[in-house]
C-alpha atoms as a PDB file:
ATOM      1  CA  MET A   1       6.791  94.456  17.968  1.00  0.00           C
ATOM      2  CA  SER A   2       3.589  94.022  15.966  1.00  0.00           C
ATOM      3  CA  LYS A   3       0.881  91.617  17.008  1.00  0.00           C
ATOM      4  CA  LEU A   4       1.275  89.577  13.815  1.00  0.00           C
ATOM      5  CA  ARG A   5       5.025  89.312  14.258  1.00  0.00           C
ATOM      6  CA  ALA A   6       4.600  88.044  17.807  1.00  0.00           C
ATOM      7  CA  ASN A   7       2.072  85.465  16.604  1.00  0.00           C
ATOM      8  CA  LEU A   8       4.367  84.209  13.849  1.00  0.00           C
ATOM      9  CA  LEU A   9       7.242  83.929  16.315  1.00  0.00           C
ATOM     10  CA  LEU A  10       5.019  81.843  18.597  1.00  0.00           C
ATOM     11  CA  LEU A  11       4.210  79.570  15.662  1.00  0.00           C
ATOM     12  CA  PHE A  12       7.942  79.168  14.996  1.00  0.00           C
ATOM     13  CA  ALA A  13       8.474  78.306  18.677  1.00  0.00           C
ATOM     14  CA  ALA A  14       5.745  75.668  18.360  1.00  0.00           C
ATOM     15  CA  ALA A  15       7.633  74.117  15.447  1.00  0.00           C
ATOM     16  CA  LEU A  16      10.828  73.975  17.515  1.00  0.00           C
ATOM     17  CA  TRP A  17       8.976  72.293  20.376  1.00  0.00           C
ATOM     18  CA  GLY A  18       7.117  69.895  18.104  1.00  0.00           C
ATOM     19  CA  PHE A  19      10.177  68.552  16.309  1.00  0.00           C
ATOM     20  CA  GLY A  20      12.054  68.640  19.612  1.00  0.00           C
ATOM     21  CA  ASN A  21       9.535  66.168  21.026  1.00  0.00           C
ATOM     22  CA  VAL A  22      11.261  63.480  18.982  1.00  0.00           C
ATOM     23  CA  ALA A  23      14.511  64.232  20.816  1.00  0.00           C
ATOM     24  CA  GLN A  24      12.633  64.176  24.133  1.00  0.00           C
ATOM     25  CA  LYS A  25      11.650  60.596  23.394  1.00  0.00           C
ATOM     26  CA  THR A  26      14.987  59.362  22.026  1.00  0.00           C
ATOM     27  CA  VAL A  27      17.092  61.033  24.741  1.00  0.00           C
ATOM     28  CA  LEU A  28      15.551  58.518  27.164  1.00  0.00           C
ATOM     29  CA  ASP A  29      17.567  55.804  25.417  1.00  0.00           C
ATOM     30  CA  HIS A  30      20.637  57.262  27.124  1.00  0.00           C
ATOM     31  CA  LEU A  31      19.500  59.271  30.149  1.00  0.00           C
ATOM     32  CA  ASP A  32      16.771  59.137  32.778  1.00  0.00           C
ATOM     33  CA  ALA A  33      14.057  61.789  32.510  1.00  0.00           C
ATOM     34  CA  LEU A  34      15.278  64.062  35.320  1.00  0.00           C
ATOM     35  CA  SER A  35      18.881  64.048  34.104  1.00  0.00           C
ATOM     36  CA  ALA A  36      17.691  64.887  30.581  1.00  0.00           C
ATOM     37  CA  VAL A  37      15.648  67.839  31.854  1.00  0.00           C
ATOM     38  CA  GLY A  38      18.492  69.070  34.026  1.00  0.00           C
ATOM     39  CA  LEU A  39      21.085  68.961  31.241  1.00  0.00           C
ATOM     40  CA  ARG A  40      18.882  70.597  28.588  1.00  0.00           C
ATOM     41  CA  CYS A  41      17.973  73.392  31.006  1.00  0.00           C
ATOM     42  CA  LEU A  42      21.601  73.807  32.040  1.00  0.00           C
ATOM     43  CA  ILE A  43      22.555  74.265  28.384  1.00  0.00           C
ATOM     44  CA  GLY A  44      19.747  76.777  27.895  1.00  0.00           C
ATOM     45  CA  GLY A  45      20.593  78.685  31.062  1.00  0.00           C
ATOM     46  CA  LEU A  46      24.291  78.970  30.235  1.00  0.00           C
ATOM     47  CA  LEU A  47      23.501  80.242  26.734  1.00  0.00           C
ATOM     48  CA  VAL A  48      21.183  82.954  28.083  1.00  0.00           C
ATOM     49  CA  LEU A  49      23.191  83.906  31.183  1.00  0.00           C
ATOM     50  CA  PRO A  50      25.676  86.315  29.512  1.00  0.00           C
ATOM     51  CA  PHE A  51      22.787  88.426  28.211  1.00  0.00           C
ATOM     52  CA  VAL A  52      21.369  88.930  31.702  1.00  0.00           C
ATOM     53  CA  LEU A  53      24.078  91.561  32.184  1.00  0.00           C
ATOM     54  CA  THR A  54      22.425  93.733  29.537  1.00  0.00           C
ATOM     55  CA  GLU A  55      19.429  94.118  31.862  1.00  0.00           C
ATOM     56  CA  ARG A  56      21.283  94.872  35.079  1.00  0.00           C
ATOM     57  CA  ARG A  57      20.659  98.649  34.927  1.00  0.00           C
ATOM     58  CA  LEU A  58      16.957  98.410  34.122  1.00  0.00           C
ATOM     59  CA  PRO A  59      14.560  99.428  36.919  1.00  0.00           C
ATOM     60  CA  VAL A  60      12.809  96.673  38.846  1.00  0.00           C
ATOM     61  CA  GLY A  61       9.206  96.912  40.005  1.00  0.00           C
ATOM     62  CA  ALA A  62       7.843  95.795  43.353  1.00  0.00           C
ATOM     63  CA  GLY A  63       7.389  92.055  43.724  1.00  0.00           C
ATOM     64  CA  HIS A  64       9.882  91.180  40.986  1.00  0.00           C
ATOM     65  CA  LEU A  65      11.668  88.423  42.900  1.00  0.00           C
ATOM     66  CA  ALA A  66       8.453  86.824  44.154  1.00  0.00           C
ATOM     67  CA  SER A  67       7.056  86.827  40.624  1.00  0.00           C
ATOM     68  CA  LEU A  68      10.271  85.285  39.285  1.00  0.00           C
ATOM     69  CA  ALA A  69      10.102  82.563  41.931  1.00  0.00           C
ATOM     70  CA  ARG A  70       6.532  81.633  40.967  1.00  0.00           C
ATOM     71  CA  VAL A  71       7.368  81.526  37.271  1.00  0.00           C
ATOM     72  CA  GLY A  72      10.546  79.505  37.846  1.00  0.00           C
ATOM     73  CA  ALA A  73       8.866  76.948  40.093  1.00  0.00           C
ATOM     74  CA  LEU A  74       5.961  76.371  37.698  1.00  0.00           C
ATOM     75  CA  PHE A  75       8.358  76.030  34.772  1.00  0.00           C
ATOM     76  CA  ALA A  76      10.504  73.438  36.565  1.00  0.00           C
ATOM     77  CA  ILE A  77       7.466  71.339  37.516  1.00  0.00           C
ATOM     78  CA  SER A  78       5.946  71.573  34.036  1.00  0.00           C
ATOM     79  CA  ILE A  79       9.037  70.622  32.065  1.00  0.00           C
ATOM     80  CA  MET A  80       9.918  67.716  34.383  1.00  0.00           C
ATOM     81  CA  LEU A  81       6.399  66.294  34.130  1.00  0.00           C
ATOM     82  CA  GLN A  82       6.550  66.686  30.353  1.00  0.00           C
ATOM     83  CA  GLN A  83       9.773  64.703  30.130  1.00  0.00           C
ATOM     84  CA  LEU A  84       8.455  62.017  32.478  1.00  0.00           C
ATOM     85  CA  CYS A  85       5.358  61.486  30.338  1.00  0.00           C
ATOM     86  CA  TYR A  86       7.508  60.152  27.484  1.00  0.00           C
ATOM     87  CA  LEU A  87       8.313  57.105  29.626  1.00  0.00           C
ATOM     88  CA  GLY A  88       4.809  55.799  28.958  1.00  0.00           C
ATOM     89  CA  ALA A  89       3.370  57.733  26.017  1.00  0.00           C
ATOM     90  CA  THR A  90       4.103  57.940  22.312  1.00  0.00           C
ATOM     91  CA  VAL A  91       5.418  61.179  20.844  1.00  0.00           C
ATOM     92  CA  THR A  92       2.134  61.744  19.000  1.00  0.00           C
ATOM     93  CA  ASN A  93      -0.097  61.172  22.048  1.00  0.00           C
ATOM     94  CA  ALA A  94       2.158  63.163  24.375  1.00  0.00           C
ATOM     95  CA  SER A  95       2.285  66.087  21.934  1.00  0.00           C
ATOM     96  CA  PHE A  96      -1.480  66.296  21.654  1.00  0.00           C
ATOM     97  CA  LEU A  97      -2.294  65.655  25.292  1.00  0.00           C
ATOM     98  CA  ILE A  98       0.074  68.418  26.346  1.00  0.00           C
ATOM     99  CA  SER A  99      -1.683  70.664  23.820  1.00  0.00           C
ATOM    100  CA  THR A 100      -4.790  70.493  26.026  1.00  0.00           C
ATOM    101  CA  ALA A 101      -3.091  73.383  27.819  1.00  0.00           C
ATOM    102  CA  THR A 102      -4.790  75.365  25.032  1.00  0.00           C
ATOM    103  CA  VAL A 103      -8.115  74.910  26.805  1.00  0.00           C
ATOM    104  CA  MET A 104      -6.748  75.095  30.333  1.00  0.00           C
ATOM    105  CA  THR A 105      -4.909  78.398  29.819  1.00  0.00           C
ATOM    106  CA  PRO A 106      -7.976  80.592  29.098  1.00  0.00           C
ATOM    107  CA  LEU A 107      -9.661  79.100  32.172  1.00  0.00           C
ATOM    108  CA  ALA A 108      -6.561  79.728  34.292  1.00  0.00           C
ATOM    109  CA  ALA A 109      -6.302  83.288  32.958  1.00  0.00           C
ATOM    110  CA  TRP A 110      -9.951  83.929  33.779  1.00  0.00           C
ATOM    111  CA  LEU A 111      -9.633  82.561  37.312  1.00  0.00           C
ATOM    112  CA  LEU A 112      -6.230  84.061  38.161  1.00  0.00           C
ATOM    113  CA  ILE A 113      -6.219  87.452  36.450  1.00  0.00           C
ATOM    114  CA  GLY A 114      -9.817  87.987  35.334  1.00  0.00           C
ATOM    115  CA  GLU A 115      -8.987  87.833  31.627  1.00  0.00           C
ATOM    116  CA  ARG A 116     -12.212  86.832  29.904  1.00  0.00           C
ATOM    117  CA  PRO A 117     -11.683  84.911  26.666  1.00  0.00           C
ATOM    118  CA  THR A 118     -13.564  86.102  23.598  1.00  0.00           C
ATOM    119  CA  ALA A 119     -16.064  83.829  21.873  1.00  0.00           C
ATOM    120  CA  SER A 120     -13.708  83.321  18.917  1.00  0.00           C
ATOM    121  CA  LEU A 121     -10.845  82.303  21.208  1.00  0.00           C
ATOM    122  CA  THR A 122     -13.085  79.886  23.111  1.00  0.00           C
ATOM    123  CA  PHE A 123     -14.272  78.367  19.831  1.00  0.00           C
ATOM    124  CA  ALA A 124     -10.694  78.024  18.559  1.00  0.00           C
ATOM    125  CA  ALA A 125      -9.610  76.366  21.816  1.00  0.00           C
ATOM    126  CA  GLY A 126     -12.445  73.873  21.492  1.00  0.00           C
ATOM    127  CA  LEU A 127     -11.478  73.103  17.909  1.00  0.00           C
ATOM    128  CA  THR A 128      -7.925  72.293  18.976  1.00  0.00           C
ATOM    129  CA  VAL A 129      -9.259  69.664  21.399  1.00  0.00           C
ATOM    130  CA  VAL A 130     -11.433  68.099  18.680  1.00  0.00           C
ATOM    131  CA  GLY A 131      -8.465  68.087  16.320  1.00  0.00           C
ATOM    132  CA  ALA A 132      -6.201  66.568  18.970  1.00  0.00           C
ATOM    133  CA  LEU A 133      -8.656  63.742  19.615  1.00  0.00           C
ATOM    134  CA  LEU A 134      -8.965  63.020  15.896  1.00  0.00           C
ATOM    135  CA  LEU A 135      -5.221  63.006  15.360  1.00  0.00           C
ATOM    136  CA  SER A 136      -4.478  60.782  18.350  1.00  0.00           C
ATOM    137  CA  GLY A 137      -7.327  58.384  17.537  1.00  0.00           C
ATOM    138  CA  GLY A 138      -9.294  59.241  20.666  1.00  0.00           C
ATOM    139  CA  ILE A 139      -8.619  58.335  24.254  1.00  0.00           C
ATOM    140  CA  ALA A 140      -9.504  54.650  24.680  1.00  0.00           C
ATOM    141  CA  GLY A 141      -7.646  54.330  27.965  1.00  0.00           C
ATOM    142  CA  PHE A 142      -5.078  56.511  29.697  1.00  0.00           C
ATOM    143  CA  SER A 143      -1.647  55.157  30.481  1.00  0.00           C
ATOM    144  CA  SER A 144       0.469  56.619  33.258  1.00  0.00           C
ATOM    145  CA  GLY A 145       2.355  58.577  30.585  1.00  0.00           C
ATOM    146  CA  ASP A 146      -0.908  60.011  29.229  1.00  0.00           C
ATOM    147  CA  LEU A 147      -2.019  61.143  32.681  1.00  0.00           C
ATOM    148  CA  THR A 148       1.376  62.707  33.327  1.00  0.00           C
ATOM    149  CA  ALA A 149       1.074  64.592  30.022  1.00  0.00           C
ATOM    150  CA  ILE A 150      -2.297  66.039  31.079  1.00  0.00           C
ATOM    151  CA  LEU A 151      -0.884  67.055  34.466  1.00  0.00           C
ATOM    152  CA  SER A 152       2.016  68.713  32.654  1.00  0.00           C
ATOM    153  CA  ALA A 153      -0.475  70.589  30.460  1.00  0.00           C
ATOM    154  CA  ALA A 154      -2.267  71.927  33.556  1.00  0.00           C
ATOM    155  CA  CYS A 155       1.020  73.159  35.010  1.00  0.00           C
ATOM    156  CA  TYR A 156       2.005  74.730  31.689  1.00  0.00           C
ATOM    157  CA  ALA A 157      -1.331  76.584  31.657  1.00  0.00           C
ATOM    158  CA  LEU A 158      -0.624  78.091  35.083  1.00  0.00           C
ATOM    159  CA  TRP A 159       2.960  78.863  34.044  1.00  0.00           C
ATOM    160  CA  THR A 160       1.835  80.625  30.864  1.00  0.00           C
ATOM    161  CA  VAL A 161      -0.510  82.894  32.807  1.00  0.00           C
ATOM    162  CA  GLU A 162       2.106  83.701  35.455  1.00  0.00           C
ATOM    163  CA  LEU A 163       4.774  84.295  32.827  1.00  0.00           C
ATOM    164  CA  GLY A 164       2.481  86.602  30.858  1.00  0.00           C
ATOM    165  CA  ARG A 165       1.711  88.598  33.981  1.00  0.00           C
ATOM    166  CA  HIS A 166       5.395  88.748  34.888  1.00  0.00           C
ATOM    167  CA  MET A 167       6.466  89.960  31.445  1.00  0.00           C
ATOM    168  CA  GLN A 168       3.738  92.605  31.259  1.00  0.00           C
ATOM    169  CA  THR A 169       4.692  93.931  34.688  1.00  0.00           C
ATOM    170  CA  HIS A 170       8.464  93.501  34.880  1.00  0.00           C
ATOM    171  CA  GLY A 171       9.878  92.671  31.447  1.00  0.00           C
ATOM    172  CA  ARG A 172      13.523  91.525  31.599  1.00  0.00           C
ATOM    173  CA  PRO A 173      13.183  88.417  29.375  1.00  0.00           C
ATOM    174  CA  PHE A 174      16.844  87.385  29.768  1.00  0.00           C
ATOM    175  CA  THR A 175      16.516  87.356  33.535  1.00  0.00           C
ATOM    176  CA  ALA A 176      13.255  85.413  33.396  1.00  0.00           C
ATOM    177  CA  ALA A 177      14.695  82.857  30.954  1.00  0.00           C
ATOM    178  CA  ALA A 178      17.922  82.318  32.902  1.00  0.00           C
ATOM    179  CA  THR A 179      16.038  81.978  36.186  1.00  0.00           C
ATOM    180  CA  GLN A 180      13.704  79.371  34.727  1.00  0.00           C
ATOM    181  CA  PHE A 181      16.364  77.295  33.007  1.00  0.00           C
ATOM    182  CA  LEU A 182      18.995  77.341  35.743  1.00  0.00           C
ATOM    183  CA  GLY A 183      16.385  76.862  38.463  1.00  0.00           C
ATOM    184  CA  ALA A 184      15.029  73.756  36.751  1.00  0.00           C
ATOM    185  CA  ALA A 185      18.576  72.448  36.227  1.00  0.00           C
ATOM    186  CA  ALA A 186      19.466  73.016  39.886  1.00  0.00           C
ATOM    187  CA  PHE A 187      16.410  71.000  40.931  1.00  0.00           C
ATOM    188  CA  ALA A 188      16.570  68.182  38.364  1.00  0.00           C
ATOM    189  CA  LEU A 189      20.299  67.404  38.169  1.00  0.00           C
ATOM    190  CA  PRO A 190      20.795  66.403  41.832  1.00  0.00           C
ATOM    191  CA  LEU A 191      17.739  64.131  41.578  1.00  0.00           C
ATOM    192  CA  GLY A 192      19.134  62.624  38.383  1.00  0.00           C
ATOM    193  CA  ALA A 193      22.482  62.017  40.055  1.00  0.00           C
ATOM    194  CA  MET A 194      20.869  60.328  43.075  1.00  0.00           C
ATOM    195  CA  HIS A 195      18.084  58.337  41.430  1.00  0.00           C
ATOM    196  CA  GLY A 196      18.950  58.215  37.719  1.00  0.00           C
ATOM    197  CA  ASN A 197      21.909  57.317  35.535  1.00  0.00           C
ATOM    198  CA  LEU A 198      23.551  60.733  35.250  1.00  0.00           C
ATOM    199  CA  SER A 199      27.169  60.344  34.173  1.00  0.00           C
ATOM    200  CA  MET A 200      29.610  61.860  31.695  1.00  0.00           C
ATOM    201  CA  ALA A 201      29.362  58.782  29.469  1.00  0.00           C
ATOM    202  CA  ALA A 202      25.559  58.948  29.346  1.00  0.00           C
ATOM    203  CA  ALA A 203      25.628  62.692  28.687  1.00  0.00           C
ATOM    204  CA  PHE A 204      28.039  62.267  25.767  1.00  0.00           C
ATOM    205  CA  ALA A 205      25.922  59.445  24.342  1.00  0.00           C
ATOM    206  CA  ALA A 206      22.882  61.742  24.462  1.00  0.00           C
ATOM    207  CA  GLY A 207      24.848  64.663  23.010  1.00  0.00           C
ATOM    208  CA  PRO A 208      22.860  65.142  19.751  1.00  0.00           C
ATOM    209  CA  GLU A 209      19.504  65.034  21.538  1.00  0.00           C
ATOM    210  CA  LEU A 210      20.724  67.362  24.291  1.00  0.00           C
ATOM    211  CA  ALA A 211      21.987  69.836  21.686  1.00  0.00           C
ATOM    212  CA  VAL A 212      18.581  69.904  19.979  1.00  0.00           C
ATOM    213  CA  LEU A 213      16.712  70.181  23.272  1.00  0.00           C
ATOM    214  CA  GLY A 214      19.043  72.651  24.957  1.00  0.00           C
ATOM    215  CA  ILE A 215      19.611  75.032  22.062  1.00  0.00           C
ATOM    216  CA  PHE A 216      16.428  74.924  20.000  1.00  0.00           C
ATOM    217  CA  SER A 217      13.640  73.547  22.206  1.00  0.00           C
ATOM    218  CA  THR A 218      14.771  75.391  25.332  1.00  0.00           C
ATOM    219  CA  THR A 219      16.844  78.492  24.598  1.00  0.00           C
ATOM    220  CA  PHE A 220      15.161  79.639  21.396  1.00  0.00           C
ATOM    221  CA  ALA A 221      11.614  78.281  21.779  1.00  0.00           C
ATOM    222  CA  PHE A 222      11.000  79.285  25.397  1.00  0.00           C
ATOM    223  CA  GLY A 223      12.872  82.542  24.852  1.00  0.00           C
ATOM    224  CA  ILE A 224      10.609  83.436  21.939  1.00  0.00           C
ATOM    225  CA  GLN A 225       7.542  82.700  24.056  1.00  0.00           C
ATOM    226  CA  ILE A 226       8.820  84.851  26.896  1.00  0.00           C
ATOM    227  CA  VAL A 227       9.277  87.812  24.565  1.00  0.00           C
ATOM    228  CA  ALA A 228       6.008  87.314  22.665  1.00  0.00           C
ATOM    229  CA  LEU A 229       3.962  87.274  25.878  1.00  0.00           C
ATOM    230  CA  ARG A 230       4.624  90.995  26.218  1.00  0.00           C
ATOM    231  CA  TYR A 231       2.558  91.582  23.095  1.00  0.00           C
ATOM    232  CA  THR A 232      -0.264  89.047  23.291  1.00  0.00           C
ATOM    233  CA  SER A 233      -2.465  87.454  25.931  1.00  0.00           C
ATOM    234  CA  ALA A 234      -1.631  84.152  27.606  1.00  0.00           C
ATOM    235  CA  SER A 235      -4.834  82.579  26.235  1.00  0.00           C
ATOM    236  CA  HIS A 236      -4.030  83.763  22.715  1.00  0.00           C
ATOM    237  CA  ALA A 237      -0.484  82.414  22.907  1.00  0.00           C
ATOM    238  CA  ALA A 238      -1.687  79.043  24.216  1.00  0.00           C
ATOM    239  CA  VAL A 239      -3.825  78.436  21.126  1.00  0.00           C
ATOM    240  CA  ILE A 240      -1.000  79.331  18.743  1.00  0.00           C
ATOM    241  CA  VAL A 241       1.673  77.213  20.415  1.00  0.00           C
ATOM    242  CA  SER A 242      -0.693  74.236  20.397  1.00  0.00           C
ATOM    243  CA  ALA A 243       0.601  73.844  16.832  1.00  0.00           C
ATOM    244  CA  GLU A 244       3.379  71.976  18.633  1.00  0.00           C
ATOM    245  CA  SER A 245       1.108  68.918  18.488  1.00  0.00           C
ATOM    246  CA  VAL A 246       0.947  69.008  14.689  1.00  0.00           C
ATOM    247  CA  PHE A 247       4.691  69.483  14.325  1.00  0.00           C
ATOM    248  CA  GLY A 248       5.264  66.758  16.915  1.00  0.00           C
ATOM    249  CA  ALA A 249       3.129  64.279  14.983  1.00  0.00           C
ATOM    250  CA  LEU A 250       4.913  65.220  11.765  1.00  0.00           C
ATOM    251  CA  GLY A 251       8.322  64.724  13.382  1.00  0.00           C
ATOM    252  CA  ALA A 252       7.242  61.405  14.879  1.00  0.00           C
ATOM    253  CA  ALA A 253       6.104  60.208  11.443  1.00  0.00           C
ATOM    254  CA  ILE A 254       9.336  61.290   9.734  1.00  0.00           C
ATOM    255  CA  PHE A 255      11.905  60.201  12.312  1.00  0.00           C
ATOM    256  CA  LEU A 256      10.186  57.460  14.338  1.00  0.00           C
ATOM    257  CA  GLY A 257       7.821  55.928  11.795  1.00  0.00           C
ATOM    258  CA  GLU A 258       4.673  56.704  13.793  1.00  0.00           C
ATOM    259  CA  GLN A 259       1.710  56.628  11.396  1.00  0.00           C
ATOM    260  CA  THR A 260      -1.205  59.052  11.171  1.00  0.00           C
ATOM    261  CA  SER A 261      -4.629  57.956   9.960  1.00  0.00           C
ATOM    262  CA  PRO A 262      -6.861  59.985   7.574  1.00  0.00           C
ATOM    263  CA  ALA A 263      -8.867  61.052  10.628  1.00  0.00           C
ATOM    264  CA  GLY A 264      -5.627  62.162  12.240  1.00  0.00           C
ATOM    265  CA  ALA A 265      -4.718  64.218   9.191  1.00  0.00           C
ATOM    266  CA  LEU A 266      -8.144  65.884   9.400  1.00  0.00           C
ATOM    267  CA  GLY A 267      -7.502  66.600  13.067  1.00  0.00           C
ATOM    268  CA  GLY A 268      -4.194  68.236  12.247  1.00  0.00           C
ATOM    269  CA  ALA A 269      -5.862  70.413   9.617  1.00  0.00           C
ATOM    270  CA  ILE A 270      -8.542  71.477  12.118  1.00  0.00           C
ATOM    271  CA  ILE A 271      -5.899  72.461  14.653  1.00  0.00           C
ATOM    272  CA  LEU A 272      -3.930  74.461  12.111  1.00  0.00           C
ATOM    273  CA  GLY A 273      -7.104  76.237  11.014  1.00  0.00           C
ATOM    274  CA  ALA A 274      -7.955  77.162  14.593  1.00  0.00           C
ATOM    275  CA  ILE A 275      -4.431  78.386  15.217  1.00  0.00           C
ATOM    276  CA  LEU A 276      -4.351  80.532  12.097  1.00  0.00           C
ATOM    277  CA  SER A 277      -7.727  82.059  12.959  1.00  0.00           C
ATOM    278  CA  VAL A 278      -6.332  83.175  16.311  1.00  0.00           C
ATOM    279  CA  ALA A 279      -2.994  84.305  14.901  1.00  0.00           C
ATOM    280  CA  MET A 280      -4.699  86.609  12.400  1.00  0.00           C
ATOM    281  CA  SER A 281      -7.369  87.859  14.804  1.00  0.00           C
ATOM    282  CA  ASN A 282      -7.577  91.533  15.747  1.00  0.00           C
ATOM    283  CA  ARG A 283     -10.108  91.017  18.539  1.00  0.00           C
ATOM    284  CA  THR A 284      -8.894  92.332  21.890  1.00  0.00           C
ATOM    285  CA  PRO A 285      -9.893  91.036  25.344  1.00  0.00           C
ATOM    286  CA  GLN A 286      -9.803  92.921  28.612  1.00  0.00           C
ATOM    287  CA  PRO A 287      -6.717  95.196  28.661  1.00  0.00           C
ATOM    288  CA  ARG A 288      -3.729  94.462  30.849  1.00  0.00           C
ATOM    289  CA  ALA A 289      -2.294  96.787  33.407  1.00  0.00           C
ATOM    290  CA  PRO A 290       0.478  99.065  32.104  1.00  0.00           C
ATOM    291  CA  LEU A 291       4.077  98.050  32.527  1.00  0.00           C
ATOM    292  CA  GLN A 292       5.798  99.214  35.684  1.00  0.00           C
ATOM    293  CA  THR A 293       8.977  99.322  33.692  1.00  0.00           C
ATOM    294  CA  ASP A 294       9.729  99.638  30.009  1.00  0.00           C
ATOM    295  CA  PRO A 295      12.635  97.240  29.715  1.00  0.00           C
ATOM    296  CA  ILE A 296      13.117  95.894  26.215  1.00  0.00           C
ATOM    297  CA  GLN A 297      11.827  95.158  22.795  1.00  0.00           C
ATOM    298  CA  PRO A 298      14.277  92.523  21.602  1.00  0.00           C
ATOM    299  CA  PHE A 299      13.170  91.669  18.108  1.00  0.00           C
ATOM    300  CA  ASP A 300      13.220  95.297  16.972  1.00  0.00           C
ATOM    301  CA  ALA A 301      16.992  95.398  17.420  1.00  0.00           C
ATOM    302  CA  PRO A 302      19.582  93.644  15.231  1.00  0.00           C
ATOM    303  CA  VAL A 303      20.695  91.359  18.058  1.00  0.00           C
ATOM    304  CA  PRO A 304      20.039  87.761  19.197  1.00  0.00           C
ATOM    305  CA  ALA A 305      16.520  86.555  19.891  1.00  0.00           C
ATOM    306  CA  PHE A 306      16.178  87.928  23.413  1.00  0.00           C
ATOM    307  CA  ALA A 307      18.732  90.726  23.275  1.00  0.00           C
ATOM    308  CA  ALA A 308      17.897  94.002  24.970  1.00  0.00           C
ATOM    309  CA  ALA A 309      17.522  97.199  23.051  1.00  0.00           C
ATOM    310  CA  ASN A 310      19.087 100.511  23.995  1.00  0.00           C
ATOM    311  CA  PRO A 311      17.149 101.657  27.082  1.00  0.00           C
ATOM    312  CA  GLY A 312      17.250 105.224  25.793  1.00  0.00           C
ATOM    313  CA  GLN A 313      15.089 104.244  22.860  1.00  0.00           C
ATOM    314  CA  GLU A 314      12.390 102.539  24.889  1.00  0.00           C
ATOM    315  CA  GLU A 315       9.871 105.341  25.264  1.00  0.00           C
ATOM    316  CA  ALA A 316       9.623 105.913  21.535  1.00  0.00           C
ATOM    317  CA  ARG A 317       9.566 102.243  20.705  1.00  0.00           C
ATOM    318  CA  HIS A 318       6.878 101.294  23.194  1.00  0.00           C
ATOM    319  CA  ALA A 319       4.593 104.234  22.496  1.00  0.00           C
ATOM    320  CA  PRO A 320       2.201 102.173  20.336  1.00  0.00           C
ATOM    321  CA  TYR A 321       1.684  99.750  23.215  1.00  0.00           C
ATOM    322  CA  ARG A 322       0.731 102.238  25.908  1.00  0.00           C
ATOM    323  CA  ASP A 323      -2.837 102.047  24.652  1.00  0.00           C
ATOM    324  CA  PRO A 324      -4.090  98.693  26.011  1.00  0.00           C
ATOM    325  CA  SER A 325      -6.351  98.071  23.049  1.00  0.00           C
ATOM    326  CA  SER A 326      -3.395  98.168  20.689  1.00  0.00           C
ATOM    327  CA  ARG A 327      -1.061  96.284  23.003  1.00  0.00           C
ATOM    328  CA  ARG A 328      -2.863  93.035  23.317  1.00  0.00           C
ATOM    329  CA  SER A 329      -4.978  90.777  21.194  1.00  0.00           C
ATOM    330  CA  SER A 330      -6.805  87.518  21.277  1.00  0.00           C
END
């Protein structure tokens, strides 16, 4: 997959998340936060699960299960905190506060894997924060929902770095996606049943929102990110998917009547400009270690979003990415 194609897919995932933020807010009219997370992840996991069988014969590198466990745990914590923040934050504020993961991810990547961000990436990350503050009208005082959104952003930053490392080392996007989704569902649903209002009646009432969240915001959006992280750095991806905040504000204005000021519109334009500058950049940071396995290149095959290609074709298809400088960009 080309660098540009991966970047455009990440931008599409950001749009799915952004508009899905509206459903994350309205689903709370019917379900508690933990039940909503559990059901959306259950839907996503069941949709991905059949495709895990296509990866069963692929070789597995050392530390695969431990890496999967770290990724799955961070994902479950991040997505539950994100849903909880909507109890006390507007869709617009939550979208932009969570987008502060854009700044946290390069720092996490530097500290955890020694990936030094380029000057242009650092500048773009800073611009996204300025744009977020303009669009949300500044931070006059944090509510509990706002603080939860920032905590979620920090967890998402760690998750993005771990997921990027996992995909570069082990591949198997179906397995990673199913583990994340079903693991989060297994953790959230029992808590929703014990402390929330989980019931068949509530689930049916929230059916439209759960369909949007489970199919588009979970299965497709997170699946696209999992695949794209094989072809771009975690820091690079974080800046691009911060477009979620712009799409979230747009969706909130269209569906919930939340208004954006002229300063907010300027902030959105700044964020989009920063994102596009990163998406089109050819600058490359410190190269990643080579893959231990060469599992898949889903979007080069005429199959669903995360579908595996013929393993026999892998060597030829991945040849362009064996040179680190051509395999990763920021």
